[in-house]
Protein backbone atom coordinates (compact mmCIF):
# COMPACT_ATOMS: atom_id res chain seq x y z
CA MET A 1 24.87 -10.85 -10.43
CA LYS A 2 26.54 -14.17 -11.08
CA LYS A 3 24.50 -16.32 -8.72
CA ILE A 4 20.97 -15.77 -7.40
CA LEU A 5 19.44 -17.91 -4.64
CA ILE A 6 15.65 -17.91 -4.33
CA THR A 7 14.27 -19.45 -1.16
CA GLY A 8 10.79 -20.88 -1.50
CA GLY A 9 11.81 -21.15 -5.12
CA ALA A 10 9.36 -23.87 -6.14
CA GLY A 11 6.38 -21.97 -4.77
CA PHE A 12 4.15 -19.68 -6.77
CA VAL A 13 6.04 -16.42 -6.20
CA GLY A 14 9.51 -17.92 -6.01
CA SER A 15 9.23 -19.92 -9.23
CA SER A 16 7.62 -17.02 -11.10
CA LEU A 17 10.41 -14.64 -10.11
CA ALA A 18 13.06 -17.26 -10.85
CA LEU A 19 11.81 -17.82 -14.39
CA GLN A 20 11.74 -14.10 -15.10
CA LEU A 21 15.16 -13.48 -13.56
CA LYS A 22 16.69 -16.29 -15.62
CA SER A 23 15.05 -14.99 -18.76
CA ASP A 24 16.48 -11.51 -18.20
CA HIS A 25 19.88 -12.77 -16.94
CA PRO A 26 20.59 -15.93 -18.96
CA THR A 27 24.28 -16.02 -17.98
CA SER A 28 23.52 -15.87 -14.25
CA GLU A 29 23.09 -19.04 -12.22
CA VAL A 30 19.67 -19.15 -10.59
CA ILE A 31 19.08 -21.67 -7.80
CA CYS A 32 15.68 -22.42 -6.26
CA LEU A 33 15.68 -23.87 -2.74
CA ASP A 34 12.40 -25.34 -1.50
CA ASN A 35 11.15 -28.06 0.86
CA LEU A 36 8.15 -28.81 -1.43
CA ARG A 37 5.81 -28.80 1.57
CA ARG A 38 3.04 -26.88 -0.20
CA SER A 39 0.77 -28.99 -2.35
CA GLY A 40 1.41 -28.43 -6.05
CA SER A 41 4.95 -27.06 -5.68
CA ALA A 42 6.42 -30.07 -7.44
CA LEU A 43 4.52 -29.10 -10.61
CA ASN A 44 6.93 -26.19 -11.01
CA LEU A 45 10.05 -28.35 -11.10
CA PRO A 46 9.84 -29.25 -14.82
CA ARG A 47 9.29 -25.56 -15.64
CA LEU A 48 12.40 -24.58 -13.68
CA LYS A 49 14.50 -27.35 -15.23
CA LYS A 50 13.43 -26.42 -18.76
CA ALA A 51 14.56 -22.83 -18.12
CA GLY A 52 18.00 -23.94 -16.93
CA ILE A 53 17.31 -23.20 -13.27
CA LYS A 54 18.85 -25.48 -10.65
CA PHE A 55 16.52 -26.88 -7.98
CA MET A 56 17.72 -27.87 -4.53
CA HIS A 57 15.47 -29.72 -2.12
CA GLY A 58 16.10 -28.02 1.19
CA ASP A 59 14.62 -26.16 4.12
CA ILE A 60 15.58 -22.72 5.45
CA ARG A 61 15.03 -24.07 8.97
CA ILE A 62 18.21 -26.12 8.43
CA PRO A 63 21.33 -23.91 8.04
CA GLY A 64 23.22 -26.64 6.21
CA ASP A 65 20.62 -26.71 3.44
CA ILE A 66 21.31 -23.05 2.67
CA LYS A 67 25.08 -23.56 2.93
CA ALA A 68 24.82 -26.35 0.38
CA ALA A 69 23.87 -23.77 -2.25
CA GLY A 70 27.38 -22.32 -1.96
CA PHE A 71 28.28 -18.72 -2.68
CA PHE A 72 25.61 -16.35 -4.00
CA ASP A 73 25.37 -12.63 -4.77
CA LEU A 74 21.65 -12.12 -4.21
CA MET A 75 18.97 -13.82 -2.17
CA VAL A 76 15.30 -13.32 -2.97
CA GLU A 77 13.54 -14.52 0.17
CA CYS A 78 10.13 -15.93 -0.80
CA SER A 79 9.88 -18.81 1.68
CA ALA A 80 7.22 -18.54 4.37
CA GLU A 81 4.24 -20.14 5.96
CA PRO A 82 1.88 -17.56 4.37
CA SER A 83 -1.43 -18.26 6.09
CA ALA A 84 -2.88 -15.64 8.43
CA LEU A 85 -4.94 -18.49 9.92
CA ALA A 86 -1.85 -20.49 10.89
CA GLY A 87 -1.76 -21.30 14.58
CA PHE A 88 -5.45 -20.69 15.28
CA ASP A 89 -6.33 -24.37 15.00
CA GLY A 90 -3.17 -25.98 16.32
CA SER A 91 0.51 -25.57 17.05
CA PRO A 92 2.31 -22.59 15.51
CA ASP A 93 5.61 -24.50 15.51
CA TYR A 94 6.10 -24.70 11.73
CA LEU A 95 5.03 -21.09 11.27
CA LEU A 96 7.47 -19.80 13.89
CA SER A 97 10.40 -22.00 12.94
CA THR A 98 10.06 -21.16 9.23
CA ASN A 99 9.25 -17.46 9.39
CA LEU A 100 11.52 -16.56 12.31
CA THR A 101 14.30 -19.13 12.62
CA GLY A 102 14.40 -19.49 8.85
CA THR A 103 14.82 -15.74 8.40
CA MET A 104 17.75 -15.77 10.83
CA HIS A 105 19.43 -18.54 8.83
CA CYS A 106 18.87 -16.61 5.59
CA LEU A 107 20.34 -13.45 7.08
CA GLU A 108 23.40 -15.32 8.29
CA ALA A 109 23.93 -16.77 4.82
CA CYS A 110 23.68 -13.28 3.31
CA ARG A 111 26.15 -11.94 5.88
CA ARG A 112 28.69 -14.69 5.18
CA ASN A 113 28.44 -14.19 1.42
CA LYS A 114 28.16 -10.38 1.59
CA ALA A 115 25.07 -10.89 -0.57
CA ALA A 116 22.15 -8.54 -1.15
CA LEU A 117 18.64 -9.41 -0.01
CA ILE A 118 15.17 -8.78 -1.41
CA PHE A 119 12.70 -9.73 1.33
CA LEU A 120 9.04 -10.30 0.58
CA SER A 121 7.04 -9.25 3.61
CA THR A 122 3.29 -8.77 3.86
CA SER A 123 0.55 -6.24 4.42
CA ARG A 124 -0.48 -8.43 7.36
CA VAL A 125 2.13 -6.67 9.50
CA TYR A 126 -0.57 -4.01 10.09
CA PRO A 127 -2.80 -4.83 13.12
CA TRP A 128 -6.09 -6.44 12.12
CA GLN A 129 -8.16 -4.90 14.94
CA ASP A 130 -7.16 -1.37 13.93
CA ILE A 131 -8.12 -2.10 10.33
CA ARG A 132 -11.49 -3.46 11.44
CA GLU A 133 -12.17 -0.32 13.46
CA LEU A 134 -11.68 2.09 10.55
CA ASN A 135 -14.73 4.02 9.35
CA TYR A 136 -16.37 2.31 6.37
CA VAL A 137 -19.32 2.89 4.12
CA GLU A 138 -21.15 -0.04 2.54
CA THR A 139 -22.07 0.24 -1.14
CA ALA A 140 -24.04 -2.21 -3.27
CA THR A 141 -20.99 -4.40 -3.96
CA ARG A 142 -18.13 -3.43 -1.62
CA LEU A 143 -16.90 -1.77 1.53
CA GLU A 144 -15.17 1.56 1.03
CA ILE A 145 -13.24 3.82 3.36
CA LYS A 146 -14.74 7.05 4.63
CA LYS A 147 -12.84 10.30 4.27
CA LEU A 148 -12.63 11.03 8.00
CA GLN A 149 -10.57 8.54 10.02
CA GLN A 150 -9.21 8.66 13.55
CA SER A 151 -6.14 6.65 12.61
CA SER A 152 -3.12 8.04 10.78
CA GLY A 153 -1.67 6.40 7.70
CA VAL A 154 -4.97 5.71 5.93
CA SER A 155 -6.78 7.52 3.12
CA PHE A 156 -8.74 6.86 -0.05
CA ALA A 157 -5.40 5.73 -1.53
CA GLY A 158 -5.18 2.97 1.09
CA ILE A 159 -2.90 2.18 4.00
CA ASP A 160 0.60 3.61 3.88
CA GLU A 161 3.80 2.77 5.74
CA SER A 162 2.98 5.18 8.62
CA PHE A 163 -0.10 3.19 9.73
CA PRO A 164 0.30 2.38 13.47
CA LEU A 165 1.92 -0.96 14.21
CA HIS A 166 0.81 -1.37 17.83
CA GLY A 167 -1.55 -4.31 18.33
CA ALA A 168 -2.08 -7.93 17.34
CA ARG A 169 -1.61 -8.80 13.67
CA THR A 170 -1.85 -12.66 13.69
CA LEU A 171 1.19 -14.84 14.31
CA TYR A 172 1.93 -14.80 10.59
CA GLY A 173 2.02 -11.01 10.52
CA ALA A 174 4.06 -10.93 13.72
CA THR A 175 6.72 -13.25 12.32
CA LYS A 176 7.07 -11.15 9.18
CA LEU A 177 7.32 -7.91 11.16
CA ALA A 178 9.91 -9.49 13.46
CA SER A 179 11.84 -10.57 10.37
CA GLU A 180 11.75 -7.00 9.09
CA LEU A 181 13.27 -5.80 12.37
CA LEU A 182 16.05 -8.39 12.14
CA ILE A 183 16.82 -7.32 8.59
CA MET A 184 17.10 -3.70 9.67
CA GLU A 185 19.57 -4.67 12.40
CA TYR A 186 21.68 -6.70 9.98
CA ALA A 187 21.67 -3.78 7.54
CA ASP A 188 22.90 -1.45 10.27
CA MET A 189 25.38 -3.80 11.93
CA TYR A 190 26.84 -5.65 8.95
CA GLY A 191 26.12 -3.33 6.03
CA LEU A 192 23.65 -5.78 4.50
CA LYS A 193 22.04 -4.40 1.35
CA ALA A 194 18.37 -5.23 1.75
CA VAL A 195 14.96 -4.07 0.53
CA ILE A 196 11.67 -4.99 2.21
CA ASN A 197 8.48 -5.15 0.16
CA ARG A 198 5.22 -5.46 2.09
CA CYS A 199 3.12 -7.20 -0.53
CA GLY A 200 -0.66 -7.20 -0.70
CA VAL A 201 -2.61 -9.98 -2.44
CA LEU A 202 -0.23 -11.61 -4.90
CA THR A 203 -1.84 -13.59 -7.67
CA GLY A 204 -1.48 -15.11 -11.12
CA PRO A 205 -1.21 -18.51 -12.84
CA TRP A 206 0.58 -21.37 -11.06
CA GLN A 207 -0.68 -20.29 -7.66
CA MET A 208 -2.20 -23.23 -5.79
CA GLY A 209 -5.03 -21.22 -4.26
CA LYS A 210 -6.58 -22.02 -0.91
CA VAL A 211 -9.21 -20.36 1.23
CA ASP A 212 -6.53 -18.72 3.40
CA GLN A 213 -4.05 -17.81 0.65
CA GLY A 214 -4.57 -17.41 -3.08
CA PHE A 215 -8.26 -16.58 -3.23
CA MET A 216 -8.19 -15.42 -6.86
CA VAL A 217 -7.16 -18.84 -8.16
CA LEU A 218 -9.45 -20.51 -5.65
CA TRP A 219 -12.45 -18.53 -6.96
CA VAL A 220 -11.83 -19.30 -10.64
CA ALA A 221 -10.91 -22.95 -10.00
CA SER A 222 -14.01 -23.52 -7.87
CA HIS A 223 -16.19 -22.36 -10.75
CA ILE A 224 -14.40 -24.54 -13.30
CA PHE A 225 -14.34 -27.65 -11.10
CA HIS A 226 -17.74 -26.92 -9.48
CA ARG A 227 -16.42 -26.80 -5.93
CA LYS A 228 -18.16 -25.15 -2.98
CA LEU A 229 -17.50 -21.50 -2.17
CA SER A 230 -18.57 -19.28 0.72
CA TYR A 231 -18.52 -15.63 1.66
CA ILE A 232 -17.00 -15.91 5.13
CA GLY A 233 -17.42 -13.23 7.79
CA PHE A 234 -18.55 -9.63 7.93
CA GLY A 235 -22.17 -10.61 7.55
CA GLY A 236 -21.49 -13.11 4.76
CA SER A 237 -22.17 -10.53 2.05
CA GLY A 238 -18.89 -10.86 0.16
CA LYS A 239 -18.23 -7.12 0.29
CA GLN A 240 -14.77 -7.37 1.87
CA LEU A 241 -12.22 -5.67 -0.39
CA ARG A 242 -8.58 -6.24 -1.43
CA ASP A 243 -6.21 -4.84 -4.02
CA LEU A 244 -4.49 -7.29 -6.35
CA LEU A 245 -0.87 -7.56 -7.44
CA HIS A 246 0.04 -9.80 -10.36
CA VAL A 247 3.39 -11.51 -9.83
CA ARG A 248 4.70 -10.02 -13.11
CA ASP A 249 4.04 -6.54 -11.73
CA LEU A 250 6.02 -7.51 -8.63
CA TYR A 251 8.90 -8.64 -10.82
CA SER A 252 8.92 -5.36 -12.73
CA LEU A 253 9.40 -3.59 -9.38
CA LEU A 254 12.20 -5.94 -8.30
CA ARG A 255 14.08 -5.17 -11.50
CA LEU A 256 13.94 -1.45 -10.75
CA GLN A 257 15.09 -2.02 -7.18
CA LEU A 258 17.98 -4.25 -8.24
CA ASP A 259 19.10 -1.73 -10.85
CA ASN A 260 19.58 0.85 -8.09
CA LEU A 261 20.02 -1.23 -4.95
CA ASN A 262 22.04 1.33 -3.00
CA THR A 263 19.15 3.81 -3.21
CA HIS A 264 16.60 1.32 -1.91
CA THR A 265 18.68 -0.41 0.75
CA GLY A 266 17.06 -0.12 4.16
CA LYS A 267 13.70 0.95 2.72
CA VAL A 268 10.32 -0.59 3.48
CA TYR A 269 7.65 -0.26 0.81
CA ASN A 270 3.96 -1.09 0.61
CA VAL A 271 3.57 -2.94 -2.68
CA GLY A 272 0.20 -3.73 -4.20
CA GLY A 273 -2.22 -2.92 -6.96
CA GLY A 274 -3.68 0.08 -5.16
CA ALA A 275 -7.24 1.34 -5.35
CA ALA A 276 -7.37 1.01 -9.15
CA MET A 277 -6.76 -2.76 -8.90
CA SER A 278 -9.15 -3.48 -6.02
CA ILE A 279 -12.05 -5.93 -6.02
CA SER A 280 -14.53 -7.36 -3.52
CA LEU A 281 -15.52 -11.03 -3.38
CA MET A 282 -18.99 -10.14 -4.66
CA GLU A 283 -17.47 -8.26 -7.60
CA LEU A 284 -15.04 -11.12 -8.22
CA THR A 285 -17.91 -13.58 -8.39
CA GLU A 286 -19.66 -11.54 -11.07
CA LEU A 287 -16.42 -11.15 -13.03
CA VAL A 288 -15.67 -14.87 -12.92
CA ARG A 289 -19.23 -15.73 -13.98
CA GLU A 290 -18.96 -13.34 -16.90
CA ILE A 291 -15.63 -14.69 -18.12
CA THR A 292 -16.29 -18.42 -17.55
CA SER A 293 -20.06 -18.49 -18.23
CA ILE A 294 -20.28 -20.73 -15.16
CA ASP A 295 -22.59 -20.01 -12.25
CA ILE A 296 -22.19 -21.93 -8.99
CA PRO A 297 -24.04 -21.33 -5.70
CA ILE A 298 -22.12 -19.43 -3.02
CA SER A 299 -23.13 -19.83 0.60
CA SER A 300 -22.78 -17.26 3.38
CA VAL A 301 -21.08 -17.59 6.76
CA GLU A 302 -21.89 -14.53 8.85
CA GLU A 303 -19.40 -15.21 11.65
CA THR A 304 -16.05 -13.48 11.19
CA ARG A 305 -12.91 -15.50 11.81
CA PRO A 306 -10.17 -14.24 14.15
CA GLY A 307 -7.64 -12.09 12.32
CA ASP A 308 -9.76 -11.48 9.22
CA ILE A 309 -10.06 -7.93 7.92
CA PRO A 310 -12.89 -6.34 5.91
CA TRP A 311 -10.76 -4.07 3.74
CA TYR A 312 -7.19 -3.50 2.68
CA ILE A 313 -5.73 -1.39 -0.11
CA SER A 314 -2.00 -0.74 -0.46
CA ASP A 315 -1.08 2.94 -0.64
CA THR A 316 1.89 2.69 -3.01
CA HIS A 317 2.81 6.37 -3.20
CA ALA A 318 6.20 5.79 -1.52
CA VAL A 319 7.39 3.05 -3.87
CA GLU A 320 6.00 4.88 -6.90
CA ALA A 321 7.88 8.05 -5.94
CA ALA A 322 11.10 6.12 -5.34
CA THR A 323 11.05 3.99 -8.51
CA GLY A 324 8.43 5.25 -10.94
CA TRP A 325 6.80 1.81 -10.73
CA LYS A 326 3.05 1.24 -10.81
CA ALA A 327 1.00 -1.94 -11.05
CA SER A 328 -0.60 -2.31 -14.47
CA ILE A 329 -2.37 -5.69 -14.69
CA THR A 330 -6.10 -5.38 -13.97
CA PRO A 331 -8.41 -7.78 -12.11
CA ARG A 332 -10.12 -8.69 -15.40
CA GLU A 333 -6.79 -9.53 -17.04
CA ILE A 334 -5.83 -11.60 -14.00
CA VAL A 335 -9.05 -13.64 -14.09
CA VAL A 336 -8.73 -14.26 -17.85
CA GLU A 337 -5.12 -15.40 -17.47
CA ILE A 338 -5.94 -17.72 -14.56
CA TYR A 339 -8.94 -19.14 -16.44
CA ASP A 340 -6.82 -19.92 -19.51
CA TRP A 341 -4.10 -21.51 -17.37
CA LEU A 342 -6.59 -23.72 -15.51
CA ASN A 343 -8.19 -24.90 -18.74
CA LYS A 344 -4.83 -25.79 -20.29
CA ASN A 345 -3.65 -27.67 -17.19
CA SER A 346 -6.90 -29.00 -15.74
CA ASP A 347 -5.79 -32.66 -15.65
CA GLN A 348 -2.86 -32.05 -13.32
CA LEU A 349 -4.49 -29.26 -11.30
CA GLN A 350 -7.94 -30.69 -10.57
CA HIS A 351 -6.79 -32.96 -7.73
CA ILE A 352 -4.91 -30.05 -6.12
CA LEU A 353 -7.43 -27.23 -6.61
């Protein structure tokens, strides 16, 4: 592909994918479009420039900003307001205009250019109340799923693509699901080549972690910089569980999908680390303490916030069967890599993290 446009290209995921795409396709032009709204995004600009990647300051809410990028063969859509808490404490205007209106503008740009689309969706499209009501067993360090469940689409392997979609999923999840539906219509009506990846917890260096997005970096950074941490919700025990997906593992999947785009067009895949790459907050705390030799107090907040879920593991059988891909980077390797990155860049990251 001669020209690749990455929206949200100065963010954690967008910049990481851009750097890897440029490395693998040095003769292709890679453009990163970003409004730099997220704190810390500007730190990626020197990295992009050094790699020969063009940066454009723009916003997908403004059609002209996308048009200014000119013709492109492929769009990797990474731009989003990614917080599941967005809208609970104020207006959802930015969330809706970015994740819905912005998606429409991106789709129109792809239609005009007859370009392919890789769309990064989210596991938050699955209703939070249904996930809360699954049958769990509590162990010493985590919540685990029981064998017998009343819901379909869930097993020891996690939640698969057949999990019921009826119910509230937070405004963030709703905007991403609505975007998926729009993509499917464009694929059918205009022949758009598009793949949808419902990503779990993405992580790795250069993520500007916050309490509502990027908890792996947040946990390590809080230990290094001696910031306050809390186990929030579900009794305040820290036993809520997620599977982890390093951004390099995501890129390895995208390469496979791009190599055989016709096969994957119109498909929706759950993409995550799976059960083998899962960790609870309590387990993460012990892992971070072991690797950093730093111990900080962690408080407990028993009250559960709206939209929060106690457990989520991505069942990746469908994407594995279709591509042969499987996540390979472990939670321990992720923590070590984040720890090294924070130590090497502590001066510029401390005021952000």
